[in-house]
Amino acid sequence: MEIREVLALNLRSLRQAKGLSQEELAHQADIDRTYISALERSVYNASIDVVDRLARVLGVEAAELLRRPQSNSKLDSRDNP
């Protein structure tokens, strides 16, 4: 899974868990709503500054937005050291 896909999945999941719409998140992070949408669809690469702003609004560390999902498969662990 590419890092953009990881960010997209984590961003959407954390945003929804906080009960925020894309527009609310965008407003609080001072980012355009269409940019949030594009990030959640893996269209754009986010800068480290944008990742930090999103993380702050979501109440998590920036690394949490970039954390790959854990896999129990040995095959997956060989592909993603």
PDB file of N, CA and C in Angstrom:
ATOM      1  N   MET A   1       0.840  -1.167   0.000  1.00  0.00           N
ATOM      2  CA  MET A   1       0.000   0.000   0.000  1.00  0.00           C
ATOM      3  C   MET A   1       0.893   1.240   0.000  1.00  0.00           C
ATOM      4  N   GLU A   2       0.628   2.150  -0.914  1.00  0.00           N
ATOM      5  CA  GLU A   2       1.403   3.383  -1.004  1.00  0.00           C
ATOM      6  C   GLU A   2       1.083   4.303   0.174  1.00  0.00           C
ATOM      7  N   ILE A   3       2.019   5.168   0.507  1.00  0.00           N
ATOM      8  CA  ILE A   3       1.849   6.049   1.662  1.00  0.00           C
ATOM      9  C   ILE A   3       0.655   6.990   1.476  1.00  0.00           C
ATOM     10  N   ARG A   4       0.373   7.387   0.227  1.00  0.00           N
ATOM     11  CA  ARG A   4      -0.810   8.228  -0.005  1.00  0.00           C
ATOM     12  C   ARG A   4      -2.087   7.491   0.360  1.00  0.00           C
ATOM     13  N   GLU A   5      -2.125   6.192   0.079  1.00  0.00           N
ATOM     14  CA  GLU A   5      -3.299   5.383   0.428  1.00  0.00           C
ATOM     15  C   GLU A   5      -3.415   5.219   1.940  1.00  0.00           C
ATOM     16  N   VAL A   6      -2.286   5.064   2.597  1.00  0.00           N
ATOM     17  CA  VAL A   6      -2.271   4.953   4.057  1.00  0.00           C
ATOM     18  C   VAL A   6      -2.822   6.240   4.671  1.00  0.00           C
ATOM     19  N   LEU A   7      -2.320   7.382   4.201  1.00  0.00           N
ATOM     20  CA  LEU A   7      -2.805   8.671   4.692  1.00  0.00           C
ATOM     21  C   LEU A   7      -4.298   8.807   4.430  1.00  0.00           C
ATOM     22  N   ALA A   8      -4.740   8.450   3.250  1.00  0.00           N
ATOM     23  CA  ALA A   8      -6.159   8.571   2.890  1.00  0.00           C
ATOM     24  C   ALA A   8      -7.037   7.758   3.836  1.00  0.00           C
ATOM     25  N   LEU A   9      -6.664   6.515   4.071  1.00  0.00           N
ATOM     26  CA  LEU A   9      -7.457   5.646   4.951  1.00  0.00           C
ATOM     27  C   LEU A   9      -7.475   6.162   6.385  1.00  0.00           C
ATOM     28  N   ASN A  10      -6.304   6.523   6.891  1.00  0.00           N
ATOM     29  CA  ASN A  10      -6.204   7.000   8.269  1.00  0.00           C
ATOM     30  C   ASN A  10      -6.922   8.338   8.452  1.00  0.00           C
ATOM     31  N   LEU A  11      -6.769   9.224   7.492  1.00  0.00           N
ATOM     32  CA  LEU A  11      -7.413  10.537   7.574  1.00  0.00           C
ATOM     33  C   LEU A  11      -8.927  10.387   7.620  1.00  0.00           C
ATOM     34  N   ARG A  12      -9.484   9.614   6.705  1.00  0.00           N
ATOM     35  CA  ARG A  12     -10.936   9.422   6.670  1.00  0.00           C
ATOM     36  C   ARG A  12     -11.424   8.764   7.967  1.00  0.00           C
ATOM     37  N   SER A  13     -10.721   7.736   8.398  1.00  0.00           N
ATOM     38  CA  SER A  13     -11.120   7.009   9.600  1.00  0.00           C
ATOM     39  C   SER A  13     -11.096   7.906  10.834  1.00  0.00           C
ATOM     40  N   LEU A  14     -10.012   8.638  11.023  1.00  0.00           N
ATOM     41  CA  LEU A  14      -9.891   9.514  12.183  1.00  0.00           C
ATOM     42  C   LEU A  14     -10.886  10.674  12.121  1.00  0.00           C
ATOM     43  N   ARG A  15     -11.097  11.216  10.947  1.00  0.00           N
ATOM     44  CA  ARG A  15     -12.055  12.315  10.774  1.00  0.00           C
ATOM     45  C   ARG A  15     -13.462  11.848  11.151  1.00  0.00           C
ATOM     46  N   GLN A  16     -13.843  10.691  10.629  1.00  0.00           N
ATOM     47  CA  GLN A  16     -15.174  10.163  10.923  1.00  0.00           C
ATOM     48  C   GLN A  16     -15.316   9.797  12.400  1.00  0.00           C
ATOM     49  N   ALA A  17     -14.252   9.261  12.988  1.00  0.00           N
ATOM     50  CA  ALA A  17     -14.292   8.911  14.414  1.00  0.00           C
ATOM     51  C   ALA A  17     -14.503  10.152  15.278  1.00  0.00           C
ATOM     52  N   LYS A  18     -13.987  11.288  14.837  1.00  0.00           N
ATOM     53  CA  LYS A  18     -14.167  12.553  15.556  1.00  0.00           C
ATOM     54  C   LYS A  18     -15.513  13.200  15.239  1.00  0.00           C
ATOM     55  N   GLY A  19     -16.239  12.627  14.278  1.00  0.00           N
ATOM     56  CA  GLY A  19     -17.535  13.177  13.901  1.00  0.00           C
ATOM     57  C   GLY A  19     -17.447  14.467  13.114  1.00  0.00           C
ATOM     58  N   LEU A  20     -16.328  14.640  12.410  1.00  0.00           N
ATOM     59  CA  LEU A  20     -16.132  15.858  11.626  1.00  0.00           C
ATOM     60  C   LEU A  20     -16.451  15.626  10.157  1.00  0.00           C
ATOM     61  N   SER A  21     -17.064  16.604   9.529  1.00  0.00           N
ATOM     62  CA  SER A  21     -17.227  16.567   8.080  1.00  0.00           C
ATOM     63  C   SER A  21     -15.912  17.030   7.457  1.00  0.00           C
ATOM     64  N   GLN A  22     -15.772  16.806   6.175  1.00  0.00           N
ATOM     65  CA  GLN A  22     -14.570  17.298   5.489  1.00  0.00           C
ATOM     66  C   GLN A  22     -14.498  18.818   5.611  1.00  0.00           C
ATOM     67  N   GLU A  23     -15.636  19.466   5.519  1.00  0.00           N
ATOM     68  CA  GLU A  23     -15.661  20.922   5.607  1.00  0.00           C
ATOM     69  C   GLU A  23     -15.240  21.411   6.996  1.00  0.00           C
ATOM     70  N   GLU A  24     -15.722  20.752   8.049  1.00  0.00           N
ATOM     71  CA  GLU A  24     -15.333  21.141   9.411  1.00  0.00           C
ATOM     72  C   GLU A  24     -13.839  20.942   9.637  1.00  0.00           C
ATOM     73  N   LEU A  25     -13.318  19.803   9.186  1.00  0.00           N
ATOM     74  CA  LEU A  25     -11.882  19.543   9.323  1.00  0.00           C
ATOM     75  C   LEU A  25     -11.081  20.579   8.550  1.00  0.00           C
ATOM     76  N   ALA A  26     -11.507  20.855   7.343  1.00  0.00           N
ATOM     77  CA  ALA A  26     -10.807  21.833   6.505  1.00  0.00           C
ATOM     78  C   ALA A  26     -10.780  23.202   7.180  1.00  0.00           C
ATOM     79  N   HIS A  27     -11.905  23.614   7.708  1.00  0.00           N
ATOM     80  CA  HIS A  27     -11.983  24.920   8.373  1.00  0.00           C
ATOM     81  C   HIS A  27     -11.041  24.989   9.569  1.00  0.00           C
ATOM     82  N   GLN A  28     -11.078  23.966  10.414  1.00  0.00           N
ATOM     83  CA  GLN A  28     -10.238  23.961  11.611  1.00  0.00           C
ATOM     84  C   GLN A  28      -8.750  23.873  11.285  1.00  0.00           C
ATOM     85  N   ALA A  29      -8.406  23.208  10.187  1.00  0.00           N
ATOM     86  CA  ALA A  29      -6.998  23.061   9.802  1.00  0.00           C
ATOM     87  C   ALA A  29      -6.551  24.148   8.829  1.00  0.00           C
ATOM     88  N   ASP A  30      -7.470  25.033   8.476  1.00  0.00           N
ATOM     89  CA  ASP A  30      -7.186  26.117   7.521  1.00  0.00           C
ATOM     90  C   ASP A  30      -6.686  25.561   6.177  1.00  0.00           C
ATOM     91  N   ILE A  31      -7.445  24.581   5.675  1.00  0.00           N
ATOM     92  CA  ILE A  31      -7.152  23.913   4.405  1.00  0.00           C
ATOM     93  C   ILE A  31      -8.441  23.901   3.597  1.00  0.00           C
ATOM     94  N   ASP A  32      -8.353  23.976   2.308  1.00  0.00           N
ATOM     95  CA  ASP A  32      -9.546  23.934   1.462  1.00  0.00           C
ATOM     96  C   ASP A  32     -10.223  22.571   1.544  1.00  0.00           C
ATOM     97  N   ARG A  33     -11.561  22.564   1.572  1.00  0.00           N
ATOM     98  CA  ARG A  33     -12.303  21.312   1.679  1.00  0.00           C
ATOM     99  C   ARG A  33     -12.031  20.384   0.509  1.00  0.00           C
ATOM    100  N   THR A  34     -11.859  20.925  -0.680  1.00  0.00           N
ATOM    101  CA  THR A  34     -11.592  20.073  -1.837  1.00  0.00           C
ATOM    102  C   THR A  34     -10.234  19.385  -1.718  1.00  0.00           C
ATOM    103  N   TYR A  35      -9.306  20.017  -1.004  1.00  0.00           N
ATOM    104  CA  TYR A  35      -8.000  19.405  -0.771  1.00  0.00           C
ATOM    105  C   TYR A  35      -8.131  18.216   0.181  1.00  0.00           C
ATOM    106  N   ILE A  36      -8.968  18.363   1.212  1.00  0.00           N
ATOM    107  CA  ILE A  36      -9.233  17.246   2.126  1.00  0.00           C
ATOM    108  C   ILE A  36      -9.824  16.081   1.349  1.00  0.00           C
ATOM    109  N   SER A  37     -10.780  16.380   0.499  1.00  0.00           N
ATOM    110  CA  SER A  37     -11.408  15.345  -0.325  1.00  0.00           C
ATOM    111  C   SER A  37     -10.374  14.638  -1.195  1.00  0.00           C
ATOM    112  N   ALA A  38      -9.503  15.412  -1.817  1.00  0.00           N
ATOM    113  CA  ALA A  38      -8.469  14.837  -2.676  1.00  0.00           C
ATOM    114  C   ALA A  38      -7.495  13.970  -1.880  1.00  0.00           C
ATOM    115  N   LEU A  39      -7.154  14.399  -0.669  1.00  0.00           N
ATOM    116  CA  LEU A  39      -6.265  13.588   0.175  1.00  0.00           C
ATOM    117  C   LEU A  39      -6.936  12.266   0.526  1.00  0.00           C
ATOM    118  N   GLU A  40      -8.217  12.304   0.832  1.00  0.00           N
ATOM    119  CA  GLU A  40      -8.940  11.085   1.199  1.00  0.00           C
ATOM    120  C   GLU A  40      -9.143  10.154   0.001  1.00  0.00           C
ATOM    121  N   ARG A  41      -8.958  10.677  -1.194  1.00  0.00           N
ATOM    122  CA  ARG A  41      -9.061   9.845  -2.403  1.00  0.00           C
ATOM    123  C   ARG A  41      -7.676   9.505  -2.971  1.00  0.00           C
ATOM    124  N   SER A  42      -6.632   9.826  -2.253  1.00  0.00           N
ATOM    125  CA  SER A  42      -5.246   9.551  -2.669  1.00  0.00           C
ATOM    126  C   SER A  42      -4.851  10.264  -3.954  1.00  0.00           C
ATOM    127  N   VAL A  43      -5.424  11.439  -4.176  1.00  0.00           N
ATOM    128  CA  VAL A  43      -5.126  12.190  -5.395  1.00  0.00           C
ATOM    129  C   VAL A  43      -3.853  13.007  -5.238  1.00  0.00           C
ATOM    130  N   TYR A  44      -3.672  13.618  -4.067  1.00  0.00           N
ATOM    131  CA  TYR A  44      -2.520  14.489  -3.836  1.00  0.00           C
ATOM    132  C   TYR A  44      -1.591  13.921  -2.781  1.00  0.00           C
ATOM    133  N   ASN A  45      -0.335  14.367  -2.830  1.00  0.00           N
ATOM    134  CA  ASN A  45       0.626  14.126  -1.756  1.00  0.00           C
ATOM    135  C   ASN A  45       0.522  15.301  -0.794  1.00  0.00           C
ATOM    136  N   ALA A  46       0.419  15.030   0.475  1.00  0.00           N
ATOM    137  CA  ALA A  46       0.344  16.093   1.471  1.00  0.00           C
ATOM    138  C   ALA A  46       1.742  16.469   1.942  1.00  0.00           C
ATOM    139  N   SER A  47       1.952  17.755   2.164  1.00  0.00           N
ATOM    140  CA  SER A  47       3.220  18.190   2.740  1.00  0.00           C
ATOM    141  C   SER A  47       3.239  17.815   4.222  1.00  0.00           C
ATOM    142  N   ILE A  48       4.405  17.800   4.799  1.00  0.00           N
ATOM    143  CA  ILE A  48       4.547  17.490   6.217  1.00  0.00           C
ATOM    144  C   ILE A  48       3.813  18.518   7.072  1.00  0.00           C
ATOM    145  N   ASP A  49       3.768  19.758   6.612  1.00  0.00           N
ATOM    146  CA  ASP A  49       3.051  20.800   7.350  1.00  0.00           C
ATOM    147  C   ASP A  49       1.549  20.534   7.356  1.00  0.00           C
ATOM    148  N   VAL A  50       1.017  20.084   6.236  1.00  0.00           N
ATOM    149  CA  VAL A  50      -0.411  19.765   6.153  1.00  0.00           C
ATOM    150  C   VAL A  50      -0.729  18.559   7.036  1.00  0.00           C
ATOM    151  N   VAL A  51       0.120  17.552   6.999  1.00  0.00           N
ATOM    152  CA  VAL A  51      -0.079  16.372   7.847  1.00  0.00           C
ATOM    153  C   VAL A  51      -0.096  16.808   9.313  1.00  0.00           C
ATOM    154  N   ASP A  52       0.792  17.691   9.701  1.00  0.00           N
ATOM    155  CA  ASP A  52       0.847  18.167  11.077  1.00  0.00           C
ATOM    156  C   ASP A  52      -0.418  18.935  11.448  1.00  0.00           C
ATOM    157  N   ARG A  53      -0.887  19.815  10.582  1.00  0.00           N
ATOM    158  CA  ARG A  53      -2.110  20.577  10.872  1.00  0.00           C
ATOM    159  C   ARG A  53      -3.309  19.661  11.029  1.00  0.00           C
ATOM    160  N   LEU A  54      -3.418  18.669  10.144  1.00  0.00           N
ATOM    161  CA  LEU A  54      -4.531  17.719  10.224  1.00  0.00           C
ATOM    162  C   LEU A  54      -4.458  16.915  11.516  1.00  0.00           C
ATOM    163  N   ALA A  55      -3.264  16.467  11.856  1.00  0.00           N
ATOM    164  CA  ALA A  55      -3.088  15.683  13.078  1.00  0.00           C
ATOM    165  C   ALA A  55      -3.480  16.488  14.309  1.00  0.00           C
ATOM    166  N   ARG A  56      -3.082  17.732  14.361  1.00  0.00           N
ATOM    167  CA  ARG A  56      -3.414  18.578  15.511  1.00  0.00           C
ATOM    168  C   ARG A  56      -4.924  18.709  15.679  1.00  0.00           C
ATOM    169  N   VAL A  57      -5.627  18.951  14.585  1.00  0.00           N
ATOM    170  CA  VAL A  57      -7.084  19.080  14.649  1.00  0.00           C
ATOM    171  C   VAL A  57      -7.718  17.760  15.082  1.00  0.00           C
ATOM    172  N   LEU A  58      -7.172  16.655  14.594  1.00  0.00           N
ATOM    173  CA  LEU A  58      -7.718  15.337  14.914  1.00  0.00           C
ATOM    174  C   LEU A  58      -7.274  14.826  16.289  1.00  0.00           C
ATOM    175  N   GLY A  59      -6.348  15.535  16.916  1.00  0.00           N
ATOM    176  CA  GLY A  59      -5.907  15.171  18.261  1.00  0.00           C
ATOM    177  C   GLY A  59      -5.000  13.956  18.308  1.00  0.00           C
ATOM    178  N   VAL A  60      -4.204  13.766  17.253  1.00  0.00           N
ATOM    179  CA  VAL A  60      -3.267  12.639  17.201  1.00  0.00           C
ATOM    180  C   VAL A  60      -1.892  13.152  16.798  1.00  0.00           C
ATOM    181  N   GLU A  61      -0.892  12.306  16.961  1.00  0.00           N
ATOM    182  CA  GLU A  61       0.446  12.619  16.459  1.00  0.00           C
ATOM    183  C   GLU A  61       0.434  12.475  14.934  1.00  0.00           C
ATOM    184  N   ALA A  62       1.250  13.242  14.252  1.00  0.00           N
ATOM    185  CA  ALA A  62       1.324  13.170  12.794  1.00  0.00           C
ATOM    186  C   ALA A  62       1.636  11.749  12.319  1.00  0.00           C
ATOM    187  N   ALA A  63       2.462  11.048  13.071  1.00  0.00           N
ATOM    188  CA  ALA A  63       2.836   9.679  12.700  1.00  0.00           C
ATOM    189  C   ALA A  63       1.623   8.757  12.611  1.00  0.00           C
ATOM    190  N   GLU A  64       0.600   9.052  13.407  1.00  0.00           N
ATOM    191  CA  GLU A  64      -0.615   8.227  13.387  1.00  0.00           C
ATOM    192  C   GLU A  64      -1.300   8.279  12.016  1.00  0.00           C
ATOM    193  N   LEU A  65      -1.217   9.415  11.356  1.00  0.00           N
ATOM    194  CA  LEU A  65      -1.818   9.539  10.022  1.00  0.00           C
ATOM    195  C   LEU A  65      -1.046   8.747   8.973  1.00  0.00           C
ATOM    196  N   LEU A  66       0.209   8.446   9.261  1.00  0.00           N
ATOM    197  CA  LEU A  66       1.058   7.748   8.294  1.00  0.00           C
ATOM    198  C   LEU A  66       1.344   6.301   8.687  1.00  0.00           C
ATOM    199  N   ARG A  67       0.730   5.847   9.771  1.00  0.00           N
ATOM    200  CA  ARG A  67       0.972   4.479  10.252  1.00  0.00           C
ATOM    201  C   ARG A  67       0.256   3.476   9.365  1.00  0.00           C
ATOM    202  N   ARG A  68       1.047   2.532   8.842  1.00  0.00           N
ATOM    203  CA  ARG A  68       0.471   1.476   8.000  1.00  0.00           C
ATOM    204  C   ARG A  68      -0.332   0.514   8.861  1.00  0.00           C
ATOM    205  N   PRO A  69      -1.410  -0.032   8.302  1.00  0.00           N
ATOM    206  CA  PRO A  69      -2.192  -1.017   9.063  1.00  0.00           C
ATOM    207  C   PRO A  69      -1.351  -2.249   9.363  1.00  0.00           C
ATOM    208  N   GLN A  70      -1.559  -2.814  10.547  1.00  0.00           N
ATOM    209  CA  GLN A  70      -0.847  -4.034  10.913  1.00  0.00           C
ATOM    210  C   GLN A  70      -1.430  -5.205  10.145  1.00  0.00           C
ATOM    211  N   SER A  71      -0.571  -6.130   9.759  1.00  0.00           N
ATOM    212  CA  SER A  71      -1.013  -7.310   9.036  1.00  0.00           C
ATOM    213  C   SER A  71      -0.504  -8.544   9.762  1.00  0.00           C
ATOM    214  N   ASN A  72      -1.314  -9.574   9.790  1.00  0.00           N
ATOM    215  CA  ASN A  72      -0.907 -10.829  10.427  1.00  0.00           C
ATOM    216  C   ASN A  72      -0.251 -11.780   9.445  1.00  0.00           C
ATOM    217  N   SER A  73      -0.260 -11.412   8.192  1.00  0.00           N
ATOM    218  CA  SER A  73       0.265 -12.298   7.148  1.00  0.00           C
ATOM    219  C   SER A  73       1.781 -12.216   7.086  1.00  0.00           C
ATOM    220  N   LYS A  74       2.453 -13.380   7.076  1.00  0.00           N
ATOM    221  CA  LYS A  74       3.910 -13.409   6.933  1.00  0.00           C
ATOM    222  C   LYS A  74       4.317 -12.896   5.568  1.00  0.00           C
ATOM    223  N   LEU A  75       3.506 -13.149   4.550  1.00  0.00           N
ATOM    224  CA  LEU A  75       3.798 -12.674   3.213  1.00  0.00           C
ATOM    225  C   LEU A  75       3.820 -11.148   3.200  1.00  0.00           C
ATOM    226  N   ASP A  76       2.835 -10.515   3.834  1.00  0.00           N
ATOM    227  CA  ASP A  76       2.792  -9.075   3.888  1.00  0.00           C
ATOM    228  C   ASP A  76       4.005  -8.505   4.620  1.00  0.00           C
ATOM    229  N   SER A  77       4.431  -9.151   5.689  1.00  0.00           N
ATOM    230  CA  SER A  77       5.557  -8.632   6.449  1.00  0.00           C
ATOM    231  C   SER A  77       6.851  -8.700   5.651  1.00  0.00           C
ATOM    232  N   ARG A  78       6.946  -9.649   4.736  1.00  0.00           N
ATOM    233  CA  ARG A  78       8.135  -9.707   3.875  1.00  0.00           C
ATOM    234  C   ARG A  78       8.110  -8.583   2.853  1.00  0.00           C
ATOM    235  N   ASP A  79       6.921  -8.195   2.409  1.00  0.00           N
ATOM    236  CA  ASP A  79       6.786  -7.137   1.424  1.00  0.00           C
ATOM    237  C   ASP A  79       6.952  -5.757   2.040  1.00  0.00           C
ATOM    238  N   ASN A  80       6.649  -5.620   3.334  1.00  0.00           N
ATOM    239  CA  ASN A  80       6.694  -4.335   4.017  1.00  0.00           C
ATOM    240  C   ASN A  80       7.539  -4.442   5.267  1.00  0.00           C
ATOM    241  N   PRO A  81       8.867  -4.422   5.117  1.00  0.00           N
ATOM    242  CA  PRO A  81       9.746  -4.576   6.282  1.00  0.00           C
ATOM    243  C   PRO A  81       9.608  -3.411   7.258  1.00  0.00           C
TER     244      PRO A  81
END
